[in-house]
């Protein structure tokens, strides 16, 4: 059976995340339903990173084995036609070798967290950003973020239900920048713990508000205690923007 690599964009609003569940819409569920319409039987689709409820993706990567050879242009059109009206779109497809695995072949994952930092709430970007009306000091947030870069025990920034074998991860990049009213947090690593990016963003907010000094993020990390983490940021601002191979 030929294997196809798919690059997928989706609006996570209204989805219970990527992974299939018996109740409610999931990204995996609607994609597999679309593929069933092509072949009349179930085919499992596996992704590079299982995003949570409400999290978006600009370039999720998945693979699926199909029983026939497809022209990739036709495959993209066929899946996108069947996935409507859900806000999921296959933007690229290519045939790959059977050794390729969307999750295990990946060497890195890049996330973006968007904060709208102005008094007025979002209209166009509702459910696409974290709206924080109080002024944030993005420079202090960036300073604090650098304490998290490198190889650390990220227990403080790990969800209680995280299934990873170890809390030790290597964070390659964590940058905070401002573009007008928007603050962007860019996080890059080979892999992340459950809720790690949202947990880090929530703690950085406390620094931006002046409630924490930058060094207090370092102290929270060193505590290796979930109770030391700031409030977890909402999923609406989080995007999987790239998977590296």
C-alpha atoms as a PDB file:
ATOM      1  CA  UNK A   1       0.000   0.000   0.000  1.00  0.00           C
ATOM      2  CA  UNK A   2       1.431   3.398  -0.929  1.00  0.00           C
ATOM      3  CA  UNK A   3       2.005   5.845   1.934  1.00  0.00           C
ATOM      4  CA  UNK A   4       1.129   9.524   1.621  1.00  0.00           C
ATOM      5  CA  UNK A   5       2.417  12.434   3.662  1.00  0.00           C
ATOM      6  CA  UNK A   6      -0.186  15.149   4.156  1.00  0.00           C
ATOM      7  CA  UNK A   7       0.352  18.735   5.303  1.00  0.00           C
ATOM      8  CA  UNK A   8      -2.807  19.974   7.009  1.00  0.00           C
ATOM      9  CA  UNK A   9      -4.139  23.328   8.137  1.00  0.00           C
ATOM     10  CA  UNK A  10      -7.041  23.622  10.567  1.00  0.00           C
ATOM     11  CA  UNK A  11      -8.958  25.942  12.820  1.00  0.00           C
ATOM     12  CA  UNK A  12      -9.069  24.134  16.153  1.00  0.00           C
ATOM     13  CA  UNK A  13     -12.136  26.035  17.365  1.00  0.00           C
ATOM     14  CA  UNK A  14     -14.939  23.553  17.939  1.00  0.00           C
ATOM     15  CA  UNK A  15     -12.671  20.489  17.737  1.00  0.00           C
ATOM     16  CA  UNK A  16     -11.823  18.275  20.699  1.00  0.00           C
ATOM     17  CA  UNK A  17      -8.235  18.278  19.498  1.00  0.00           C
ATOM     18  CA  UNK A  18      -6.568  16.040  16.934  1.00  0.00           C
ATOM     19  CA  UNK A  19      -7.058  12.564  18.399  1.00  0.00           C
ATOM     20  CA  UNK A  20     -10.219  10.619  17.611  1.00  0.00           C
ATOM     21  CA  UNK A  21     -12.845  10.450  20.378  1.00  0.00           C
ATOM     22  CA  UNK A  22     -16.188   8.701  20.534  1.00  0.00           C
ATOM     23  CA  UNK A  23     -18.046  11.964  21.179  1.00  0.00           C
ATOM     24  CA  UNK A  24     -17.569  15.295  19.426  1.00  0.00           C
ATOM     25  CA  UNK A  25     -15.588  16.364  16.388  1.00  0.00           C
ATOM     26  CA  UNK A  26     -11.842  15.785  16.164  1.00  0.00           C
ATOM     27  CA  UNK A  27      -9.474  16.611  13.324  1.00  0.00           C
ATOM     28  CA  UNK A  28      -8.426  12.980  12.956  1.00  0.00           C
ATOM     29  CA  UNK A  29     -12.052  11.902  12.959  1.00  0.00           C
ATOM     30  CA  UNK A  30     -13.192  14.195  10.161  1.00  0.00           C
ATOM     31  CA  UNK A  31     -10.144  13.373   8.019  1.00  0.00           C
ATOM     32  CA  UNK A  32     -10.642   9.628   8.430  1.00  0.00           C
ATOM     33  CA  UNK A  33     -14.342  10.046   7.604  1.00  0.00           C
ATOM     34  CA  UNK A  34     -13.344  11.886   4.428  1.00  0.00           C
ATOM     35  CA  UNK A  35     -10.956   9.081   3.438  1.00  0.00           C
ATOM     36  CA  UNK A  36     -13.607   6.431   4.114  1.00  0.00           C
ATOM     37  CA  UNK A  37     -15.716   8.114   1.424  1.00  0.00           C
ATOM     38  CA  UNK A  38     -12.864   7.564  -1.037  1.00  0.00           C
ATOM     39  CA  UNK A  39     -12.322   3.873  -0.382  1.00  0.00           C
ATOM     40  CA  UNK A  40     -15.315   2.600   1.558  1.00  0.00           C
ATOM     41  CA  UNK A  41     -13.271   1.338   4.497  1.00  0.00           C
ATOM     42  CA  UNK A  42     -11.355   2.695   7.490  1.00  0.00           C
ATOM     43  CA  UNK A  43      -7.750   3.891   7.166  1.00  0.00           C
ATOM     44  CA  UNK A  44      -5.844   5.187  10.184  1.00  0.00           C
ATOM     45  CA  UNK A  45      -4.145   8.568   9.796  1.00  0.00           C
ATOM     46  CA  UNK A  46      -1.242   9.370  12.128  1.00  0.00           C
ATOM     47  CA  UNK A  47       0.063  12.852  12.865  1.00  0.00           C
ATOM     48  CA  UNK A  48       3.283  14.489  14.019  1.00  0.00           C
ATOM     49  CA  UNK A  49       1.767  16.132  17.090  1.00  0.00           C
ATOM     50  CA  UNK A  50      -1.609  15.572  18.703  1.00  0.00           C
ATOM     51  CA  UNK A  51      -2.934  19.080  19.317  1.00  0.00           C
ATOM     52  CA  UNK A  52      -5.380  19.720  22.171  1.00  0.00           C
ATOM     53  CA  UNK A  53      -8.930  21.060  22.169  1.00  0.00           C
ATOM     54  CA  UNK A  54      -9.045  24.494  20.529  1.00  0.00           C
ATOM     55  CA  UNK A  55      -5.431  24.480  19.279  1.00  0.00           C
ATOM     56  CA  UNK A  56      -4.832  25.420  15.642  1.00  0.00           C
ATOM     57  CA  UNK A  57      -2.374  24.195  13.004  1.00  0.00           C
ATOM     58  CA  UNK A  58      -0.829  25.886  10.003  1.00  0.00           C
ATOM     59  CA  UNK A  59       1.232  22.882   8.941  1.00  0.00           C
ATOM     60  CA  UNK A  60       0.352  19.708  10.810  1.00  0.00           C
ATOM     61  CA  UNK A  61       1.931  16.662   9.161  1.00  0.00           C
ATOM     62  CA  UNK A  62       0.263  13.257   8.966  1.00  0.00           C
ATOM     63  CA  UNK A  63       0.637  10.050   6.998  1.00  0.00           C
ATOM     64  CA  UNK A  64      -1.833   7.492   5.754  1.00  0.00           C
ATOM     65  CA  UNK A  65      -1.531   4.223   3.823  1.00  0.00           C
ATOM     66  CA  UNK A  66      -4.052   3.868   1.005  1.00  0.00           C
ATOM     67  CA  UNK A  67      -4.942   0.828  -1.135  1.00  0.00           C
ATOM     68  CA  UNK A  68      -4.318   2.495  -4.487  1.00  0.00           C
ATOM     69  CA  UNK A  69      -1.966   4.977  -6.109  1.00  0.00           C
ATOM     70  CA  UNK A  70      -3.224   8.533  -6.233  1.00  0.00           C
ATOM     71  CA  UNK A  71      -2.193  11.562  -8.193  1.00  0.00           C
ATOM     72  CA  UNK A  72      -1.438  13.843  -5.244  1.00  0.00           C
ATOM     73  CA  UNK A  73      -3.316  16.789  -6.789  1.00  0.00           C
ATOM     74  CA  UNK A  74      -6.418  14.608  -7.059  1.00  0.00           C
ATOM     75  CA  UNK A  75      -5.946  13.234  -3.548  1.00  0.00           C
ATOM     76  CA  UNK A  76      -5.823  16.737  -2.056  1.00  0.00           C
ATOM     77  CA  UNK A  77      -8.984  17.757  -3.896  1.00  0.00           C
ATOM     78  CA  UNK A  78     -10.802  14.546  -2.976  1.00  0.00           C
ATOM     79  CA  UNK A  79     -10.062  14.781   0.759  1.00  0.00           C
ATOM     80  CA  UNK A  80     -10.831  18.506   0.913  1.00  0.00           C
ATOM     81  CA  UNK A  81     -14.092  17.987  -0.924  1.00  0.00           C
ATOM     82  CA  UNK A  82     -15.185  15.314   1.548  1.00  0.00           C
ATOM     83  CA  UNK A  83     -14.062  17.075   4.717  1.00  0.00           C
ATOM     84  CA  UNK A  84     -16.407  20.047   4.212  1.00  0.00           C
ATOM     85  CA  UNK A  85     -17.882  21.951   6.004  1.00  0.00           C
ATOM     86  CA  UNK A  86     -15.234  21.474   8.698  1.00  0.00           C
ATOM     87  CA  UNK A  87     -12.413  24.030   8.747  1.00  0.00           C
ATOM     88  CA  UNK A  88      -9.715  21.520   7.846  1.00  0.00           C
ATOM     89  CA  UNK A  89      -7.677  21.699   4.660  1.00  0.00           C
ATOM     90  CA  UNK A  90      -5.013  19.437   3.180  1.00  0.00           C
ATOM     91  CA  UNK A  91      -2.593  21.926   1.629  1.00  0.00           C
ATOM     92  CA  UNK A  92       0.030  19.482   0.307  1.00  0.00           C
ATOM     93  CA  UNK A  93       0.478  15.759  -0.313  1.00  0.00           C
ATOM     94  CA  UNK A  94       3.318  13.566  -1.496  1.00  0.00           C
ATOM     95  CA  UNK A  95       3.968   9.852  -1.772  1.00  0.00           C
ATOM     96  CA  UNK A  96       6.686   8.726   0.645  1.00  0.00           C
ATOM     97  CA  UNK A  97       8.450   5.483   1.488  1.00  0.00           C
ATOM     98  CA  UNK A  98       6.999   3.114   4.044  1.00  0.00           C
ATOM     99  CA  UNK A  99       9.842   4.082   6.404  1.00  0.00           C
ATOM    100  CA  UNK A 100       8.448   7.598   6.784  1.00  0.00           C
ATOM    101  CA  UNK A 101       6.435   8.139   9.958  1.00  0.00           C
ATOM    102  CA  UNK A 102       4.817  11.501  10.636  1.00  0.00           C
ATOM    103  CA  UNK A 103       5.561  11.310  14.364  1.00  0.00           C
ATOM    104  CA  UNK A 104       8.700   9.228  14.764  1.00  0.00           C
ATOM    105  CA  UNK A 105      10.575  10.628  11.754  1.00  0.00           C
ATOM    106  CA  UNK A 106      10.154  14.218  12.948  1.00  0.00           C
ATOM    107  CA  UNK A 107      13.239  16.023  14.265  1.00  0.00           C
ATOM    108  CA  UNK A 108      11.492  19.137  15.516  1.00  0.00           C
ATOM    109  CA  UNK A 109       8.196  20.898  16.089  1.00  0.00           C
ATOM    110  CA  UNK A 110       7.631  24.651  16.019  1.00  0.00           C
ATOM    111  CA  UNK A 111       4.804  26.408  17.836  1.00  0.00           C
ATOM    112  CA  UNK A 112       3.538  29.984  17.843  1.00  0.00           C
ATOM    113  CA  UNK A 113       1.509  31.517  20.658  1.00  0.00           C
ATOM    114  CA  UNK A 114      -0.337  34.744  19.803  1.00  0.00           C
ATOM    115  CA  UNK A 115      -1.341  37.338  22.415  1.00  0.00           C
ATOM    116  CA  UNK A 116      -3.500  40.302  21.432  1.00  0.00           C
ATOM    117  CA  UNK A 117      -2.358  42.992  23.867  1.00  0.00           C
ATOM    118  CA  UNK A 118      -4.805  45.882  23.590  1.00  0.00           C
ATOM    119  CA  UNK A 119      -7.860  47.176  25.421  1.00  0.00           C
ATOM    120  CA  UNK A 120     -10.375  46.305  22.658  1.00  0.00           C
ATOM    121  CA  UNK A 121     -11.295  42.622  22.305  1.00  0.00           C
ATOM    122  CA  UNK A 122     -10.691  40.810  19.006  1.00  0.00           C
ATOM    123  CA  UNK A 123     -13.353  40.678  16.332  1.00  0.00           C
ATOM    124  CA  UNK A 124     -11.646  39.114  13.307  1.00  0.00           C
ATOM    125  CA  UNK A 125      -9.307  37.023  15.480  1.00  0.00           C
ATOM    126  CA  UNK A 126     -11.812  35.834  18.063  1.00  0.00           C
ATOM    127  CA  UNK A 127     -10.792  32.310  19.170  1.00  0.00           C
ATOM    128  CA  UNK A 128      -7.453  32.812  17.382  1.00  0.00           C
ATOM    129  CA  UNK A 129      -5.546  34.793  20.049  1.00  0.00           C
ATOM    130  CA  UNK A 130      -5.265  35.173  23.808  1.00  0.00           C
ATOM    131  CA  UNK A 131      -6.695  38.614  24.550  1.00  0.00           C
ATOM    132  CA  UNK A 132      -4.918  40.376  27.423  1.00  0.00           C
ATOM    133  CA  UNK A 133      -6.098  44.003  27.802  1.00  0.00           C
ATOM    134  CA  UNK A 134      -3.474  45.103  30.352  1.00  0.00           C
ATOM    135  CA  UNK A 135      -0.128  46.309  28.985  1.00  0.00           C
ATOM    136  CA  UNK A 136       2.562  43.619  28.873  1.00  0.00           C
ATOM    137  CA  UNK A 137       6.325  44.178  28.952  1.00  0.00           C
ATOM    138  CA  UNK A 138       7.420  41.868  26.151  1.00  0.00           C
ATOM    139  CA  UNK A 139      11.109  42.577  26.758  1.00  0.00           C
ATOM    140  CA  UNK A 140      10.859  41.279  30.322  1.00  0.00           C
ATOM    141  CA  UNK A 141       8.940  38.261  29.027  1.00  0.00           C
ATOM    142  CA  UNK A 142      11.708  37.515  26.527  1.00  0.00           C
ATOM    143  CA  UNK A 143      14.353  37.846  29.244  1.00  0.00           C
ATOM    144  CA  UNK A 144      12.436  35.383  31.415  1.00  0.00           C
ATOM    145  CA  UNK A 145      11.952  32.985  28.507  1.00  0.00           C
ATOM    146  CA  UNK A 146      15.699  32.524  28.105  1.00  0.00           C
ATOM    147  CA  UNK A 147      15.883  30.749  31.468  1.00  0.00           C
ATOM    148  CA  UNK A 148      13.801  27.969  29.895  1.00  0.00           C
ATOM    149  CA  UNK A 149      15.962  27.441  26.813  1.00  0.00           C
ATOM    150  CA  UNK A 150      18.135  24.317  26.935  1.00  0.00           C
ATOM    151  CA  UNK A 151      17.761  20.854  28.450  1.00  0.00           C
ATOM    152  CA  UNK A 152      15.767  20.872  31.681  1.00  0.00           C
ATOM    153  CA  UNK A 153      13.326  18.943  33.816  1.00  0.00           C
ATOM    154  CA  UNK A 154      10.078  20.689  32.815  1.00  0.00           C
ATOM    155  CA  UNK A 155       7.877  19.096  35.495  1.00  0.00           C
ATOM    156  CA  UNK A 156       6.630  22.566  36.520  1.00  0.00           C
ATOM    157  CA  UNK A 157       5.292  23.151  32.993  1.00  0.00           C
ATOM    158  CA  UNK A 158       3.856  19.662  32.461  1.00  0.00           C
ATOM    159  CA  UNK A 159       0.167  18.770  32.674  1.00  0.00           C
ATOM    160  CA  UNK A 160      -0.758  16.264  35.354  1.00  0.00           C
ATOM    161  CA  UNK A 161      -2.195  13.923  32.704  1.00  0.00           C
ATOM    162  CA  UNK A 162       0.943  14.078  30.514  1.00  0.00           C
ATOM    163  CA  UNK A 163       1.884  10.593  29.282  1.00  0.00           C
ATOM    164  CA  UNK A 164       5.507  11.326  28.335  1.00  0.00           C
ATOM    165  CA  UNK A 165       8.041   8.908  29.820  1.00  0.00           C
ATOM    166  CA  UNK A 166      10.262  11.722  31.094  1.00  0.00           C
ATOM    167  CA  UNK A 167       9.798  15.419  31.969  1.00  0.00           C
ATOM    168  CA  UNK A 168      13.238  16.201  30.541  1.00  0.00           C
ATOM    169  CA  UNK A 169      13.078  18.084  27.251  1.00  0.00           C
ATOM    170  CA  UNK A 170      15.432  20.276  25.242  1.00  0.00           C
ATOM    171  CA  UNK A 171      13.896  23.621  24.350  1.00  0.00           C
ATOM    172  CA  UNK A 172      15.817  24.957  21.359  1.00  0.00           C
ATOM    173  CA  UNK A 173      14.192  28.376  21.181  1.00  0.00           C
ATOM    174  CA  UNK A 174      11.725  30.486  23.164  1.00  0.00           C
ATOM    175  CA  UNK A 175      11.474  34.037  21.836  1.00  0.00           C
ATOM    176  CA  UNK A 176       9.010  36.779  22.721  1.00  0.00           C
ATOM    177  CA  UNK A 177       8.467  39.652  20.263  1.00  0.00           C
ATOM    178  CA  UNK A 178       5.964  42.455  19.839  1.00  0.00           C
ATOM    179  CA  UNK A 179       4.421  43.510  16.524  1.00  0.00           C
ATOM    180  CA  UNK A 180       2.109  46.445  17.211  1.00  0.00           C
ATOM    181  CA  UNK A 181      -0.705  45.164  19.440  1.00  0.00           C
ATOM    182  CA  UNK A 182       0.348  41.527  19.063  1.00  0.00           C
ATOM    183  CA  UNK A 183       2.909  39.663  21.130  1.00  0.00           C
ATOM    184  CA  UNK A 184       4.244  36.435  19.636  1.00  0.00           C
ATOM    185  CA  UNK A 185       5.901  33.622  21.560  1.00  0.00           C
ATOM    186  CA  UNK A 186       7.860  31.224  19.335  1.00  0.00           C
ATOM    187  CA  UNK A 187       8.817  27.835  20.800  1.00  0.00           C
ATOM    188  CA  UNK A 188      10.948  25.210  19.049  1.00  0.00           C
ATOM    189  CA  UNK A 189      11.966  21.760  20.271  1.00  0.00           C
ATOM    190  CA  UNK A 190      12.188  18.174  19.102  1.00  0.00           C
ATOM    191  CA  UNK A 191       9.078  17.456  21.160  1.00  0.00           C
ATOM    192  CA  UNK A 192       7.019  19.013  23.939  1.00  0.00           C
ATOM    193  CA  UNK A 193       5.251  17.837  27.068  1.00  0.00           C
ATOM    194  CA  UNK A 194       1.470  18.027  27.349  1.00  0.00           C
ATOM    195  CA  UNK A 195       0.480  21.699  27.894  1.00  0.00           C
ATOM    196  CA  UNK A 196       4.145  22.757  28.035  1.00  0.00           C
ATOM    197  CA  UNK A 197       3.858  25.712  25.656  1.00  0.00           C
ATOM    198  CA  UNK A 198       0.623  26.967  27.201  1.00  0.00           C
ATOM    199  CA  UNK A 199       2.085  26.595  30.692  1.00  0.00           C
ATOM    200  CA  UNK A 200       5.192  28.558  29.753  1.00  0.00           C
ATOM    201  CA  UNK A 201       3.075  31.262  28.101  1.00  0.00           C
ATOM    202  CA  UNK A 202       0.921  31.595  31.215  1.00  0.00           C
ATOM    203  CA  UNK A 203       3.961  32.077  33.420  1.00  0.00           C
ATOM    204  CA  UNK A 204       5.503  34.585  31.017  1.00  0.00           C
ATOM    205  CA  UNK A 205       2.299  36.598  31.211  1.00  0.00           C
ATOM    206  CA  UNK A 206       2.918  37.103  34.935  1.00  0.00           C
ATOM    207  CA  UNK A 207       6.324  38.537  34.079  1.00  0.00           C
ATOM    208  CA  UNK A 208       4.826  40.804  31.434  1.00  0.00           C
ATOM    209  CA  UNK A 209       2.329  42.154  33.966  1.00  0.00           C
ATOM    210  CA  UNK A 210       5.077  42.803  36.505  1.00  0.00           C
ATOM    211  CA  UNK A 211       3.691  40.248  38.970  1.00  0.00           C
ATOM    212  CA  UNK A 212       6.843  38.123  38.586  1.00  0.00           C
ATOM    213  CA  UNK A 213      10.407  39.222  37.989  1.00  0.00           C
ATOM    214  CA  UNK A 214      12.095  37.381  35.087  1.00  0.00           C
ATOM    215  CA  UNK A 215      14.235  35.309  37.456  1.00  0.00           C
ATOM    216  CA  UNK A 216      11.077  33.894  39.068  1.00  0.00           C
ATOM    217  CA  UNK A 217      10.511  31.830  35.909  1.00  0.00           C
ATOM    218  CA  UNK A 218      13.911  30.234  36.599  1.00  0.00           C
ATOM    219  CA  UNK A 219      12.859  29.529  40.184  1.00  0.00           C
ATOM    220  CA  UNK A 220       9.597  27.996  38.971  1.00  0.00           C
ATOM    221  CA  UNK A 221      11.523  25.732  36.578  1.00  0.00           C
ATOM    222  CA  UNK A 222      13.943  24.660  39.303  1.00  0.00           C
ATOM    223  CA  UNK A 223      11.066  23.880  41.671  1.00  0.00           C
ATOM    224  CA  UNK A 224      10.064  20.916  39.466  1.00  0.00           C
ATOM    225  CA  UNK A 225       6.604  21.299  40.920  1.00  0.00           C
ATOM    226  CA  UNK A 226       3.405  21.894  38.956  1.00  0.00           C
ATOM    227  CA  UNK A 227       2.167  24.177  41.740  1.00  0.00           C
ATOM    228  CA  UNK A 228       4.963  26.641  40.905  1.00  0.00           C
ATOM    229  CA  UNK A 229       3.585  27.240  37.388  1.00  0.00           C
ATOM    230  CA  UNK A 230       1.538  30.294  36.530  1.00  0.00           C
ATOM    231  CA  UNK A 231      -2.034  29.921  35.226  1.00  0.00           C
ATOM    232  CA  UNK A 232      -2.096  27.916  31.998  1.00  0.00           C
ATOM    233  CA  UNK A 233      -2.795  30.014  28.898  1.00  0.00           C
ATOM    234  CA  UNK A 234      -5.930  29.181  26.863  1.00  0.00           C
ATOM    235  CA  UNK A 235      -5.608  27.072  23.698  1.00  0.00           C
ATOM    236  CA  UNK A 236      -6.996  29.752  21.373  1.00  0.00           C
ATOM    237  CA  UNK A 237      -3.629  31.452  20.869  1.00  0.00           C
ATOM    238  CA  UNK A 238      -1.608  28.322  20.129  1.00  0.00           C
ATOM    239  CA  UNK A 239      -0.606  27.160  16.633  1.00  0.00           C
ATOM    240  CA  UNK A 240       1.489  24.264  15.374  1.00  0.00           C
ATOM    241  CA  UNK A 241       3.308  26.104  12.595  1.00  0.00           C
ATOM    242  CA  UNK A 242       5.883  23.592  11.334  1.00  0.00           C
ATOM    243  CA  UNK A 243       7.193  20.054  11.701  1.00  0.00           C
ATOM    244  CA  UNK A 244      10.833  19.465  10.816  1.00  0.00           C
ATOM    245  CA  UNK A 245      12.253  16.266   9.295  1.00  0.00           C
END
